[in-house]
Amino acid sequence: MVQAGQQFISKAAAHRQEEGWDLTYVQFKYEGIKVEVGNADGSQIFDASHGIWVPLNIDFSRYLTVHLLGLELPLMLKDDLVRYKSTLARPVDIEDICAIRENEEPGNSPSDG
């Protein structure tokens, strides 16, 4: 993925503990959109309501397939994204959750089917 998107990298692949995250990831900017790809092994997020770091347990059997830069990539489901953003509970996460919920159409949630 890093090689395919080399010209779009805005944050090089590295381990970082920042802003509620403790993981290795790379960030791309593609057509004005930030795309972050992380390694789930040993990843943690900060649980704001309990004030502790918790494992980021991702169920990799739940995903949508998207096409980007000529690759087929698994994309986390909205419900799972909302779940971990709720745990982080930073202002940006609350804004993201509101935007996700506002843009959902009835009957199109992954949990509906």
PDB file of N, CA and C in Angstrom:
ATOM      1  N   MET A   1       0.832  -1.194   0.000  1.00  0.00           N
ATOM      2  CA  MET A   1       0.000   0.000   0.000  1.00  0.00           C
ATOM      3  C   MET A   1       0.875   1.255   0.000  1.00  0.00           C
ATOM      4  N   VAL A   2       1.909   1.248   0.839  1.00  0.00           N
ATOM      5  CA  VAL A   2       2.788   2.415   0.922  1.00  0.00           C
ATOM      6  C   VAL A   2       3.465   2.681  -0.417  1.00  0.00           C
ATOM      7  N   GLN A   3       3.934   1.631  -1.074  1.00  0.00           N
ATOM      8  CA  GLN A   3       4.580   1.814  -2.371  1.00  0.00           C
ATOM      9  C   GLN A   3       3.603   2.342  -3.416  1.00  0.00           C
ATOM     10  N   ALA A   4       2.394   1.802  -3.426  1.00  0.00           N
ATOM     11  CA  ALA A   4       1.393   2.216  -4.413  1.00  0.00           C
ATOM     12  C   ALA A   4       1.004   3.678  -4.238  1.00  0.00           C
ATOM     13  N   GLY A   5       1.003   4.158  -2.997  1.00  0.00           N
ATOM     14  CA  GLY A   5       0.584   5.532  -2.736  1.00  0.00           C
ATOM     15  C   GLY A   5       1.706   6.476  -2.365  1.00  0.00           C
ATOM     16  N   GLN A   6       2.934   6.112  -2.690  1.00  0.00           N
ATOM     17  CA  GLN A   6       4.124   6.875  -2.291  1.00  0.00           C
ATOM     18  C   GLN A   6       3.982   8.378  -2.526  1.00  0.00           C
ATOM     19  N   GLN A   7       3.468   8.771  -3.680  1.00  0.00           N
ATOM     20  CA  GLN A   7       3.390  10.198  -4.011  1.00  0.00           C
ATOM     21  C   GLN A   7       2.330  10.944  -3.199  1.00  0.00           C
ATOM     22  N   PHE A   8       1.469  10.197  -2.478  1.00  0.00           N
ATOM     23  CA  PHE A   8       0.393  10.829  -1.716  1.00  0.00           C
ATOM     24  C   PHE A   8       0.633  10.817  -0.203  1.00  0.00           C
ATOM     25  N   ILE A   9       1.786  10.325   0.243  1.00  0.00           N
ATOM     26  CA  ILE A   9       2.051  10.211   1.682  1.00  0.00           C
ATOM     27  C   ILE A   9       2.148  11.594   2.321  1.00  0.00           C
ATOM     28  N   SER A  10       1.360  11.798   3.399  1.00  0.00           N
ATOM     29  CA  SER A  10       1.439  13.044   4.162  1.00  0.00           C
ATOM     30  C   SER A  10       2.025  12.797   5.552  1.00  0.00           C
ATOM     31  N   LYS A  11       1.990  11.560   6.041  1.00  0.00           N
ATOM     32  CA  LYS A  11       2.678  11.140   7.268  1.00  0.00           C
ATOM     33  C   LYS A  11       3.290   9.781   6.969  1.00  0.00           C
ATOM     34  N   ALA A  12       4.604   9.690   7.087  1.00  0.00           N
ATOM     35  CA  ALA A  12       5.303   8.434   6.786  1.00  0.00           C
ATOM     36  C   ALA A  12       4.902   7.331   7.759  1.00  0.00           C
ATOM     37  N   ALA A  13       5.007   6.082   7.316  1.00  0.00           N
ATOM     38  CA  ALA A  13       4.683   4.935   8.168  1.00  0.00           C
ATOM     39  C   ALA A  13       5.616   4.930   9.378  1.00  0.00           C
ATOM     40  N   ALA A  14       5.035   4.940  10.572  1.00  0.00           N
ATOM     41  CA  ALA A  14       5.807   4.956  11.820  1.00  0.00           C
ATOM     42  C   ALA A  14       4.884   4.615  12.980  1.00  0.00           C
ATOM     43  N   HIS A  15       5.477   4.183  14.090  1.00  0.00           N
ATOM     44  CA  HIS A  15       4.704   3.959  15.315  1.00  0.00           C
ATOM     45  C   HIS A  15       4.533   5.303  16.006  1.00  0.00           C
ATOM     46  N   ARG A  16       3.299   5.596  16.396  1.00  0.00           N
ATOM     47  CA  ARG A  16       3.005   6.861  17.067  1.00  0.00           C
ATOM     48  C   ARG A  16       2.043   6.629  18.227  1.00  0.00           C
ATOM     49  N   GLN A  17       2.251   7.374  19.305  1.00  0.00           N
ATOM     50  CA  GLN A  17       1.270   7.429  20.391  1.00  0.00           C
ATOM     51  C   GLN A  17       0.888   8.892  20.506  1.00  0.00           C
ATOM     52  N   GLU A  18      -0.288   9.211  19.971  1.00  0.00           N
ATOM     53  CA  GLU A  18      -0.731  10.601  19.913  1.00  0.00           C
ATOM     54  C   GLU A  18      -2.236  10.666  19.804  1.00  0.00           C
ATOM     55  N   GLU A  19      -2.807  11.724  20.330  1.00  0.00           N
ATOM     56  CA  GLU A  19      -4.224  12.016  20.147  1.00  0.00           C
ATOM     57  C   GLU A  19      -5.139  10.817  20.370  1.00  0.00           C
ATOM     58  N   GLY A  20      -4.851  10.013  21.374  1.00  0.00           N
ATOM     59  CA  GLY A  20      -5.714   8.886  21.685  1.00  0.00           C
ATOM     60  C   GLY A  20      -5.371   7.602  20.965  1.00  0.00           C
ATOM     61  N   TRP A  21      -4.314   7.622  20.154  1.00  0.00           N
ATOM     62  CA  TRP A  21      -3.906   6.452  19.374  1.00  0.00           C
ATOM     63  C   TRP A  21      -2.537   5.966  19.811  1.00  0.00           C
ATOM     64  N   ASP A  22      -2.348   4.661  19.800  1.00  0.00           N
ATOM     65  CA  ASP A  22      -1.031   4.044  20.011  1.00  0.00           C
ATOM     66  C   ASP A  22      -0.928   2.926  18.978  1.00  0.00           C
ATOM     67  N   LEU A  23      -0.356   3.264  17.811  1.00  0.00           N
ATOM     68  CA  LEU A  23      -0.278   2.295  16.725  1.00  0.00           C
ATOM     69  C   LEU A  23       0.710   2.741  15.653  1.00  0.00           C
ATOM     70  N   THR A  24       0.971   1.842  14.719  1.00  0.00           N
ATOM     71  CA  THR A  24       1.791   2.150  13.555  1.00  0.00           C
ATOM     72  C   THR A  24       0.846   2.398  12.384  1.00  0.00           C
ATOM     73  N   TYR A  25       1.041   3.548  11.715  1.00  0.00           N
ATOM     74  CA  TYR A  25       0.181   3.842  10.569  1.00  0.00           C
ATOM     75  C   TYR A  25       0.880   4.773   9.589  1.00  0.00           C
ATOM     76  N   VAL A  26       0.296   4.863   8.416  1.00  0.00           N
ATOM     77  CA  VAL A  26       0.733   5.799   7.383  1.00  0.00           C
ATOM     78  C   VAL A  26      -0.497   6.611   6.978  1.00  0.00           C
ATOM     79  N   GLN A  27      -0.277   7.869   6.650  1.00  0.00           N
ATOM     80  CA  GLN A  27      -1.380   8.723   6.219  1.00  0.00           C
ATOM     81  C   GLN A  27      -1.096   9.223   4.806  1.00  0.00           C
ATOM     82  N   PHE A  28      -2.115   9.144   3.969  1.00  0.00           N
ATOM     83  CA  PHE A  28      -2.059   9.652   2.605  1.00  0.00           C
ATOM     84  C   PHE A  28      -3.053  10.798   2.472  1.00  0.00           C
ATOM     85  N   LYS A  29      -2.773  11.722   1.562  1.00  0.00           N
ATOM     86  CA  LYS A  29      -3.774  12.700   1.139  1.00  0.00           C
ATOM     87  C   LYS A  29      -3.989  12.450  -0.336  1.00  0.00           C
ATOM     88  N   TYR A  30      -5.202  12.033  -0.669  1.00  0.00           N
ATOM     89  CA  TYR A  30      -5.540  11.675  -2.043  1.00  0.00           C
ATOM     90  C   TYR A  30      -6.766  12.472  -2.453  1.00  0.00           C
ATOM     91  N   GLU A  31      -6.605  13.333  -3.436  1.00  0.00           N
ATOM     92  CA  GLU A  31      -7.686  14.195  -3.914  1.00  0.00           C
ATOM     93  C   GLU A  31      -8.336  14.944  -2.757  1.00  0.00           C
ATOM     94  N   GLY A  32      -7.493  15.465  -1.835  1.00  0.00           N
ATOM     95  CA  GLY A  32      -7.970  16.263  -0.711  1.00  0.00           C
ATOM     96  C   GLY A  32      -8.534  15.473   0.459  1.00  0.00           C
ATOM     97  N   ILE A  33      -8.478  14.150   0.370  1.00  0.00           N
ATOM     98  CA  ILE A  33      -9.037  13.297   1.424  1.00  0.00           C
ATOM     99  C   ILE A  33      -7.905  12.586   2.150  1.00  0.00           C
ATOM    100  N   LYS A  34      -7.935  12.639   3.490  1.00  0.00           N
ATOM    101  CA  LYS A  34      -6.951  11.907   4.282  1.00  0.00           C
ATOM    102  C   LYS A  34      -7.360  10.440   4.342  1.00  0.00           C
ATOM    103  N   VAL A  35      -6.415   9.579   4.048  1.00  0.00           N
ATOM    104  CA  VAL A  35      -6.631   8.130   4.133  1.00  0.00           C
ATOM    105  C   VAL A  35      -5.543   7.586   5.052  1.00  0.00           C
ATOM    106  N   GLU A  36      -5.947   6.981   6.161  1.00  0.00           N
ATOM    107  CA  GLU A  36      -4.990   6.427   7.104  1.00  0.00           C
ATOM    108  C   GLU A  36      -5.080   4.910   7.083  1.00  0.00           C
ATOM    109  N   VAL A  37      -3.907   4.276   7.004  1.00  0.00           N
ATOM    110  CA  VAL A  37      -3.824   2.820   6.987  1.00  0.00           C
ATOM    111  C   VAL A  37      -2.923   2.423   8.140  1.00  0.00           C
ATOM    112  N   GLY A  38      -3.496   1.651   9.071  1.00  0.00           N
ATOM    113  CA  GLY A  38      -2.747   1.290  10.263  1.00  0.00           C
ATOM    114  C   GLY A  38      -2.579  -0.205  10.420  1.00  0.00           C
ATOM    115  N   ASN A  39      -1.631  -0.557  11.265  1.00  0.00           N
ATOM    116  CA  ASN A  39      -1.372  -1.943  11.634  1.00  0.00           C
ATOM    117  C   ASN A  39      -2.113  -2.213  12.937  1.00  0.00           C
ATOM    118  N   ALA A  40      -2.985  -3.190  12.948  1.00  0.00           N
ATOM    119  CA  ALA A  40      -3.808  -3.468  14.118  1.00  0.00           C
ATOM    120  C   ALA A  40      -3.063  -4.242  15.201  1.00  0.00           C
ATOM    121  N   ASP A  41      -1.949  -4.888  14.871  1.00  0.00           N
ATOM    122  CA  ASP A  41      -1.227  -5.684  15.857  1.00  0.00           C
ATOM    123  C   ASP A  41      -0.746  -4.813  17.010  1.00  0.00           C
ATOM    124  N   GLY A  42      -1.254  -5.083  18.199  1.00  0.00           N
ATOM    125  CA  GLY A  42      -0.846  -4.358  19.397  1.00  0.00           C
ATOM    126  C   GLY A  42      -1.370  -2.939  19.493  1.00  0.00           C
ATOM    127  N   SER A  43      -2.277  -2.549  18.608  1.00  0.00           N
ATOM    128  CA  SER A  43      -2.799  -1.184  18.609  1.00  0.00           C
ATOM    129  C   SER A  43      -3.699  -0.941  19.811  1.00  0.00           C
ATOM    130  N   GLN A  44      -3.653   0.305  20.314  1.00  0.00           N
ATOM    131  CA  GLN A  44      -4.496   0.697  21.435  1.00  0.00           C
ATOM    132  C   GLN A  44      -5.125   2.056  21.140  1.00  0.00           C
ATOM    133  N   ILE A  45      -6.268   2.300  21.800  1.00  0.00           N
ATOM    134  CA  ILE A  45      -6.888   3.618  21.786  1.00  0.00           C
ATOM    135  C   ILE A  45      -7.148   4.020  23.226  1.00  0.00           C
ATOM    136  N   PHE A  46      -7.288   5.322  23.430  1.00  0.00           N
ATOM    137  CA  PHE A  46      -7.513   5.836  24.773  1.00  0.00           C
ATOM    138  C   PHE A  46      -9.002   5.906  25.043  1.00  0.00           C
ATOM    139  N   ASP A  47      -9.444   5.186  26.062  1.00  0.00           N
ATOM    140  CA  ASP A  47     -10.846   5.179  26.478  1.00  0.00           C
ATOM    141  C   ASP A  47     -11.067   6.406  27.354  1.00  0.00           C
ATOM    142  N   ALA A  48     -11.658   7.436  26.773  1.00  0.00           N
ATOM    143  CA  ALA A  48     -11.825   8.713  27.460  1.00  0.00           C
ATOM    144  C   ALA A  48     -12.707   8.609  28.691  1.00  0.00           C
ATOM    145  N   SER A  49     -13.712   7.764  28.647  1.00  0.00           N
ATOM    146  CA  SER A  49     -14.632   7.684  29.785  1.00  0.00           C
ATOM    147  C   SER A  49     -14.004   6.996  31.000  1.00  0.00           C
ATOM    148  N   HIS A  50     -12.993   6.142  30.794  1.00  0.00           N
ATOM    149  CA  HIS A  50     -12.346   5.440  31.903  1.00  0.00           C
ATOM    150  C   HIS A  50     -10.912   5.914  32.146  1.00  0.00           C
ATOM    151  N   GLY A  51     -10.378   6.746  31.244  1.00  0.00           N
ATOM    152  CA  GLY A  51      -9.043   7.290  31.405  1.00  0.00           C
ATOM    153  C   GLY A  51      -7.921   6.270  31.287  1.00  0.00           C
ATOM    154  N   ILE A  52      -8.138   5.242  30.429  1.00  0.00           N
ATOM    155  CA  ILE A  52      -7.129   4.189  30.271  1.00  0.00           C
ATOM    156  C   ILE A  52      -6.951   3.832  28.790  1.00  0.00           C
ATOM    157  N   TRP A  53      -5.778   3.261  28.474  1.00  0.00           N
ATOM    158  CA  TRP A  53      -5.530   2.726  27.137  1.00  0.00           C
ATOM    159  C   TRP A  53      -6.139   1.335  27.063  1.00  0.00           C
ATOM    160  N   VAL A  54      -6.841   1.044  25.972  1.00  0.00           N
ATOM    161  CA  VAL A  54      -7.472  -0.258  25.773  1.00  0.00           C
ATOM    162  C   VAL A  54      -7.088  -0.793  24.394  1.00  0.00           C
ATOM    163  N   PRO A  55      -7.052  -2.119  24.246  1.00  0.00           N
ATOM    164  CA  PRO A  55      -6.739  -2.687  22.927  1.00  0.00           C
ATOM    165  C   PRO A  55      -7.784  -2.264  21.891  1.00  0.00           C
ATOM    166  N   LEU A  56      -7.314  -1.985  20.694  1.00  0.00           N
ATOM    167  CA  LEU A  56      -8.212  -1.702  19.579  1.00  0.00           C
ATOM    168  C   LEU A  56      -8.524  -3.041  18.929  1.00  0.00           C
ATOM    169  N   ASN A  57      -9.607  -3.633  19.363  1.00  0.00           N
ATOM    170  CA  ASN A  57      -9.999  -4.949  18.856  1.00  0.00           C
ATOM    171  C   ASN A  57     -10.857  -4.765  17.618  1.00  0.00           C
ATOM    172  N   ILE A  58     -10.289  -5.098  16.480  1.00  0.00           N
ATOM    173  CA  ILE A  58     -10.987  -4.950  15.203  1.00  0.00           C
ATOM    174  C   ILE A  58     -11.415  -6.325  14.717  1.00  0.00           C
ATOM    175  N   ASP A  59     -12.674  -6.449  14.364  1.00  0.00           N
ATOM    176  CA  ASP A  59     -13.201  -7.689  13.800  1.00  0.00           C
ATOM    177  C   ASP A  59     -12.999  -7.623  12.289  1.00  0.00           C
ATOM    178  N   PHE A  60     -11.927  -8.268  11.810  1.00  0.00           N
ATOM    179  CA  PHE A  60     -11.571  -8.176  10.401  1.00  0.00           C
ATOM    180  C   PHE A  60     -12.509  -8.962   9.484  1.00  0.00           C
ATOM    181  N   SER A  61     -13.461  -9.673  10.051  1.00  0.00           N
ATOM    182  CA  SER A  61     -14.436 -10.356   9.207  1.00  0.00           C
ATOM    183  C   SER A  61     -15.555  -9.394   8.780  1.00  0.00           C
ATOM    184  N   ARG A  62     -15.570  -8.187   9.371  1.00  0.00           N
ATOM    185  CA  ARG A  62     -16.590  -7.171   9.060  1.00  0.00           C
ATOM    186  C   ARG A  62     -15.932  -6.032   8.277  1.00  0.00           C
ATOM    187  N   TYR A  63     -16.217  -5.945   6.974  1.00  0.00           N
ATOM    188  CA  TYR A  63     -15.632  -4.888   6.153  1.00  0.00           C
ATOM    189  C   TYR A  63     -16.381  -4.753   4.840  1.00  0.00           C
ATOM    190  N   LEU A  64     -16.135  -3.633   4.183  1.00  0.00           N
ATOM    191  CA  LEU A  64     -16.561  -3.409   2.803  1.00  0.00           C
ATOM    192  C   LEU A  64     -15.290  -3.381   1.964  1.00  0.00           C
ATOM    193  N   THR A  65     -15.376  -3.774   0.716  1.00  0.00           N
ATOM    194  CA  THR A  65     -14.225  -3.698  -0.177  1.00  0.00           C
ATOM    195  C   THR A  65     -14.341  -2.430  -1.012  1.00  0.00           C
ATOM    196  N   VAL A  66     -13.248  -1.645  -1.040  1.00  0.00           N
ATOM    197  CA  VAL A  66     -13.202  -0.430  -1.851  1.00  0.00           C
ATOM    198  C   VAL A  66     -12.014  -0.525  -2.796  1.00  0.00           C
ATOM    199  N   HIS A  67     -12.066   0.238  -3.862  1.00  0.00           N
ATOM    200  CA  HIS A  67     -10.977   0.265  -4.841  1.00  0.00           C
ATOM    201  C   HIS A  67     -10.283   1.614  -4.738  1.00  0.00           C
ATOM    202  N   LEU A  68      -8.965   1.597  -4.493  1.00  0.00           N
ATOM    203  CA  LEU A  68      -8.183   2.812  -4.356  1.00  0.00           C
ATOM    204  C   LEU A  68      -6.791   2.568  -4.903  1.00  0.00           C
ATOM    205  N   LEU A  69      -6.323   3.451  -5.755  1.00  0.00           N
ATOM    206  CA  LEU A  69      -4.983   3.366  -6.343  1.00  0.00           C
ATOM    207  C   LEU A  69      -4.742   2.017  -7.021  1.00  0.00           C
ATOM    208  N   GLY A  70      -5.794   1.485  -7.633  1.00  0.00           N
ATOM    209  CA  GLY A  70      -5.673   0.220  -8.339  1.00  0.00           C
ATOM    210  C   GLY A  70      -5.662  -1.003  -7.431  1.00  0.00           C
ATOM    211  N   LEU A  71      -5.950  -0.808  -6.156  1.00  0.00           N
ATOM    212  CA  LEU A  71      -5.955  -1.920  -5.198  1.00  0.00           C
ATOM    213  C   LEU A  71      -7.357  -2.152  -4.652  1.00  0.00           C
ATOM    214  N   GLU A  72      -7.661  -3.397  -4.312  1.00  0.00           N
ATOM    215  CA  GLU A  72      -8.877  -3.715  -3.568  1.00  0.00           C
ATOM    216  C   GLU A  72      -8.521  -3.711  -2.100  1.00  0.00           C
ATOM    217  N   LEU A  73      -9.187  -2.850  -1.328  1.00  0.00           N
ATOM    218  CA  LEU A  73      -8.845  -2.695   0.079  1.00  0.00           C
ATOM    219  C   LEU A  73     -10.058  -2.921   0.973  1.00  0.00           C
ATOM    220  N   PRO A  74      -9.854  -3.550   2.128  1.00  0.00           N
ATOM    221  CA  PRO A  74     -10.952  -3.694   3.090  1.00  0.00           C
ATOM    222  C   PRO A  74     -11.137  -2.371   3.836  1.00  0.00           C
ATOM    223  N   LEU A  75     -12.373  -1.959   4.029  1.00  0.00           N
ATOM    224  CA  LEU A  75     -12.701  -0.716   4.719  1.00  0.00           C
ATOM    225  C   LEU A  75     -13.591  -1.037   5.911  1.00  0.00           C
ATOM    226  N   MET A  76     -13.246  -0.494   7.064  1.00  0.00           N
ATOM    227  CA  MET A  76     -14.003  -0.731   8.288  1.00  0.00           C
ATOM    228  C   MET A  76     -15.460  -0.283   8.113  1.00  0.00           C
ATOM    229  N   LEU A  77     -16.381  -1.058   8.663  1.00  0.00           N
ATOM    230  CA  LEU A  77     -17.791  -0.699   8.606  1.00  0.00           C
ATOM    231  C   LEU A  77     -18.070   0.529   9.469  1.00  0.00           C
ATOM    232  N   LYS A  78     -19.072   1.309   9.061  1.00  0.00           N
ATOM    233  CA  LYS A  78     -19.426   2.527   9.790  1.00  0.00           C
ATOM    234  C   LYS A  78     -19.748   2.245  11.254  1.00  0.00           C
ATOM    235  N   ASP A  79     -20.488   1.181  11.539  1.00  0.00           N
ATOM    236  CA  ASP A  79     -20.852   0.874  12.929  1.00  0.00           C
ATOM    237  C   ASP A  79     -19.611   0.643  13.782  1.00  0.00           C
ATOM    238  N   ASP A  80     -18.608  -0.043  13.235  1.00  0.00           N
ATOM    239  CA  ASP A  80     -17.373  -0.302  13.972  1.00  0.00           C
ATOM    240  C   ASP A  80     -16.582   0.990  14.160  1.00  0.00           C
ATOM    241  N   LEU A  81     -16.564   1.826  13.135  1.00  0.00           N
ATOM    242  CA  LEU A  81     -15.893   3.112  13.223  1.00  0.00           C
ATOM    243  C   LEU A  81     -16.536   3.980  14.304  1.00  0.00           C
ATOM    244  N   VAL A  82     -17.846   4.021  14.328  1.00  0.00           N
ATOM    245  CA  VAL A  82     -18.567   4.800  15.339  1.00  0.00           C
ATOM    246  C   VAL A  82     -18.271   4.244  16.734  1.00  0.00           C
ATOM    247  N   ARG A  83     -18.185   2.932  16.865  1.00  0.00           N
ATOM    248  CA  ARG A  83     -17.915   2.328  18.175  1.00  0.00           C
ATOM    249  C   ARG A  83     -16.575   2.790  18.725  1.00  0.00           C
ATOM    250  N   TYR A  84     -15.513   2.735  17.926  1.00  0.00           N
ATOM    251  CA  TYR A  84     -14.236   3.130  18.501  1.00  0.00           C
ATOM    252  C   TYR A  84     -14.104   4.643  18.612  1.00  0.00           C
ATOM    253  N   LYS A  85     -14.745   5.403  17.729  1.00  0.00           N
ATOM    254  CA  LYS A  85     -14.724   6.853  17.873  1.00  0.00           C
ATOM    255  C   LYS A  85     -15.485   7.275  19.132  1.00  0.00           C
ATOM    256  N   SER A  86     -16.506   6.526  19.510  1.00  0.00           N
ATOM    257  CA  SER A  86     -17.229   6.796  20.754  1.00  0.00           C
ATOM    258  C   SER A  86     -16.333   6.554  21.967  1.00  0.00           C
ATOM    259  N   THR A  87     -15.463   5.544  21.879  1.00  0.00           N
ATOM    260  CA  THR A  87     -14.517   5.261  22.959  1.00  0.00           C
ATOM    261  C   THR A  87     -13.522   6.402  23.098  1.00  0.00           C
ATOM    262  N   LEU A  88     -12.976   6.876  21.975  1.00  0.00           N
ATOM    263  CA  LEU A  88     -12.017   7.984  21.998  1.00  0.00           C
ATOM    264  C   LEU A  88     -12.662   9.272  22.511  1.00  0.00           C
ATOM    265  N   ALA A  89     -13.844   9.574  22.000  1.00  0.00           N
ATOM    266  CA  ALA A  89     -14.673  10.705  22.435  1.00  0.00           C
ATOM    267  C   ALA A  89     -13.973  12.066  22.383  1.00  0.00           C
ATOM    268  N   ARG A  90     -13.017  12.227  21.462  1.00  0.00           N
ATOM    269  CA  ARG A  90     -12.407  13.546  21.271  1.00  0.00           C
ATOM    270  C   ARG A  90     -13.416  14.420  20.513  1.00  0.00           C
ATOM    271  N   PRO A  91     -13.296  15.727  20.576  1.00  0.00           N
ATOM    272  CA  PRO A  91     -14.233  16.572  19.827  1.00  0.00           C
ATOM    273  C   PRO A  91     -14.319  16.191  18.344  1.00  0.00           C
ATOM    274  N   VAL A  92     -13.183  15.891  17.711  1.00  0.00           N
ATOM    275  CA  VAL A  92     -13.189  15.505  16.299  1.00  0.00           C
ATOM    276  C   VAL A  92     -13.961  14.200  16.087  1.00  0.00           C
ATOM    277  N   ASP A  93     -13.873  13.280  17.048  1.00  0.00           N
ATOM    278  CA  ASP A  93     -14.601  12.015  16.923  1.00  0.00           C
ATOM    279  C   ASP A  93     -16.101  12.229  17.050  1.00  0.00           C
ATOM    280  N   ILE A  94     -16.506  13.089  17.972  1.00  0.00           N
ATOM    281  CA  ILE A  94     -17.931  13.388  18.134  1.00  0.00           C
ATOM    282  C   ILE A  94     -18.466  14.029  16.855  1.00  0.00           C
ATOM    283  N   GLU A  95     -17.678  14.948  16.262  1.00  0.00           N
ATOM    284  CA  GLU A  95     -18.081  15.563  14.988  1.00  0.00           C
ATOM    285  C   GLU A  95     -18.200  14.508  13.896  1.00  0.00           C
ATOM    286  N   ASP A  96     -17.229  13.592  13.834  1.00  0.00           N
ATOM    287  CA  ASP A  96     -17.267  12.527  12.828  1.00  0.00           C
ATOM    288  C   ASP A  96     -18.499  11.650  13.001  1.00  0.00           C
ATOM    289  N   ILE A  97     -18.802  11.290  14.237  1.00  0.00           N
ATOM    290  CA  ILE A  97     -19.971  10.442  14.509  1.00  0.00           C
ATOM    291  C   ILE A  97     -21.238  11.144  14.044  1.00  0.00           C
ATOM    292  N   CYS A  98     -21.355  12.433  14.357  1.00  0.00           N
ATOM    293  CA  CYS A  98     -22.537  13.193  13.917  1.00  0.00           C
ATOM    294  C   CYS A  98     -22.633  13.213  12.390  1.00  0.00           C
ATOM    295  N   ALA A  99     -21.507  13.433  11.716  1.00  0.00           N
ATOM    296  CA  ALA A  99     -21.506  13.472  10.249  1.00  0.00           C
ATOM    297  C   ALA A  99     -21.871  12.114   9.667  1.00  0.00           C
ATOM    298  N   ILE A 100     -21.345  11.042  10.267  1.00  0.00           N
ATOM    299  CA  ILE A 100     -21.669   9.693   9.788  1.00  0.00           C
ATOM    300  C   ILE A 100     -23.159   9.432   9.936  1.00  0.00           C
ATOM    301  N   ARG A 101     -23.695   9.767  11.095  1.00  0.00           N
ATOM    302  CA  ARG A 101     -25.124   9.523  11.352  1.00  0.00           C
ATOM    303  C   ARG A 101     -26.016  10.374  10.449  1.00  0.00           C
ATOM    304  N   GLU A 102     -25.623  11.619  10.198  1.00  0.00           N
ATOM    305  CA  GLU A 102     -26.403  12.503   9.333  1.00  0.00           C
ATOM    306  C   GLU A 102     -26.446  11.994   7.901  1.00  0.00           C
ATOM    307  N   ASN A 103     -25.374  11.350   7.454  1.00  0.00           N
ATOM    308  CA  ASN A 103     -25.275  10.890   6.073  1.00  0.00           C
ATOM    309  C   ASN A 103     -25.793   9.483   5.848  1.00  0.00           C
ATOM    310  N   GLU A 104     -26.226   8.820   6.905  1.00  0.00           N
ATOM    311  CA  GLU A 104     -26.765   7.468   6.743  1.00  0.00           C
ATOM    312  C   GLU A 104     -28.174   7.531   6.180  1.00  0.00           C
ATOM    313  N   GLU A 105     -28.437   6.622   5.272  1.00  0.00           N
ATOM    314  CA  GLU A 105     -29.783   6.499   4.732  1.00  0.00           C
ATOM    315  C   GLU A 105     -30.444   5.316   5.409  1.00  0.00           C
ATOM    316  N   PRO A 106     -31.734   5.438   5.737  1.00  0.00           N
ATOM    317  CA  PRO A 106     -32.430   4.313   6.366  1.00  0.00           C
ATOM    318  C   PRO A 106     -32.308   3.064   5.503  1.00  0.00           C
ATOM    319  N   GLY A 107     -32.003   1.948   6.149  1.00  0.00           N
ATOM    320  CA  GLY A 107     -31.908   0.681   5.446  1.00  0.00           C
ATOM    321  C   GLY A 107     -30.549   0.403   4.840  1.00  0.00           C
ATOM    322  N   ASN A 108     -29.603   1.360   4.935  1.00  0.00           N
ATOM    323  CA  ASN A 108     -28.291   1.164   4.335  1.00  0.00           C
ATOM    324  C   ASN A 108     -27.188   0.929   5.356  1.00  0.00           C
ATOM    325  N   SER A 109     -27.524   0.803   6.616  1.00  0.00           N
ATOM    326  CA  SER A 109     -26.516   0.531   7.632  1.00  0.00           C
ATOM    327  C   SER A 109     -26.099  -0.927   7.539  1.00  0.00           C
ATOM    328  N   PRO A 110     -24.806  -1.239   7.704  1.00  0.00           N
ATOM    329  CA  PRO A 110     -24.362  -2.636   7.631  1.00  0.00           C
ATOM    330  C   PRO A 110     -25.081  -3.535   8.624  1.00  0.00           C
ATOM    331  N   SER A 111     -25.556  -2.967   9.739  1.00  0.00           N
ATOM    332  CA  SER A 111     -26.246  -3.786  10.727  1.00  0.00           C
ATOM    333  C   SER A 111     -27.694  -4.083  10.326  1.00  0.00           C
ATOM    334  N   ASP A 112     -28.173  -3.424   9.245  1.00  0.00           N
ATOM    335  CA  ASP A 112     -29.540  -3.661   8.794  1.00  0.00           C
ATOM    336  C   ASP A 112     -29.690  -4.935   7.980  1.00  0.00           C
ATOM    337  N   GLY A 113     -28.609  -5.516   7.560  1.00  0.00           N
ATOM    338  CA  GLY A 113     -28.748  -6.651   6.668  1.00  0.00           C
ATOM    339  C   GLY A 113     -27.869  -7.719   7.064  1.00  0.00           C
TER     340      GLY A 113
END
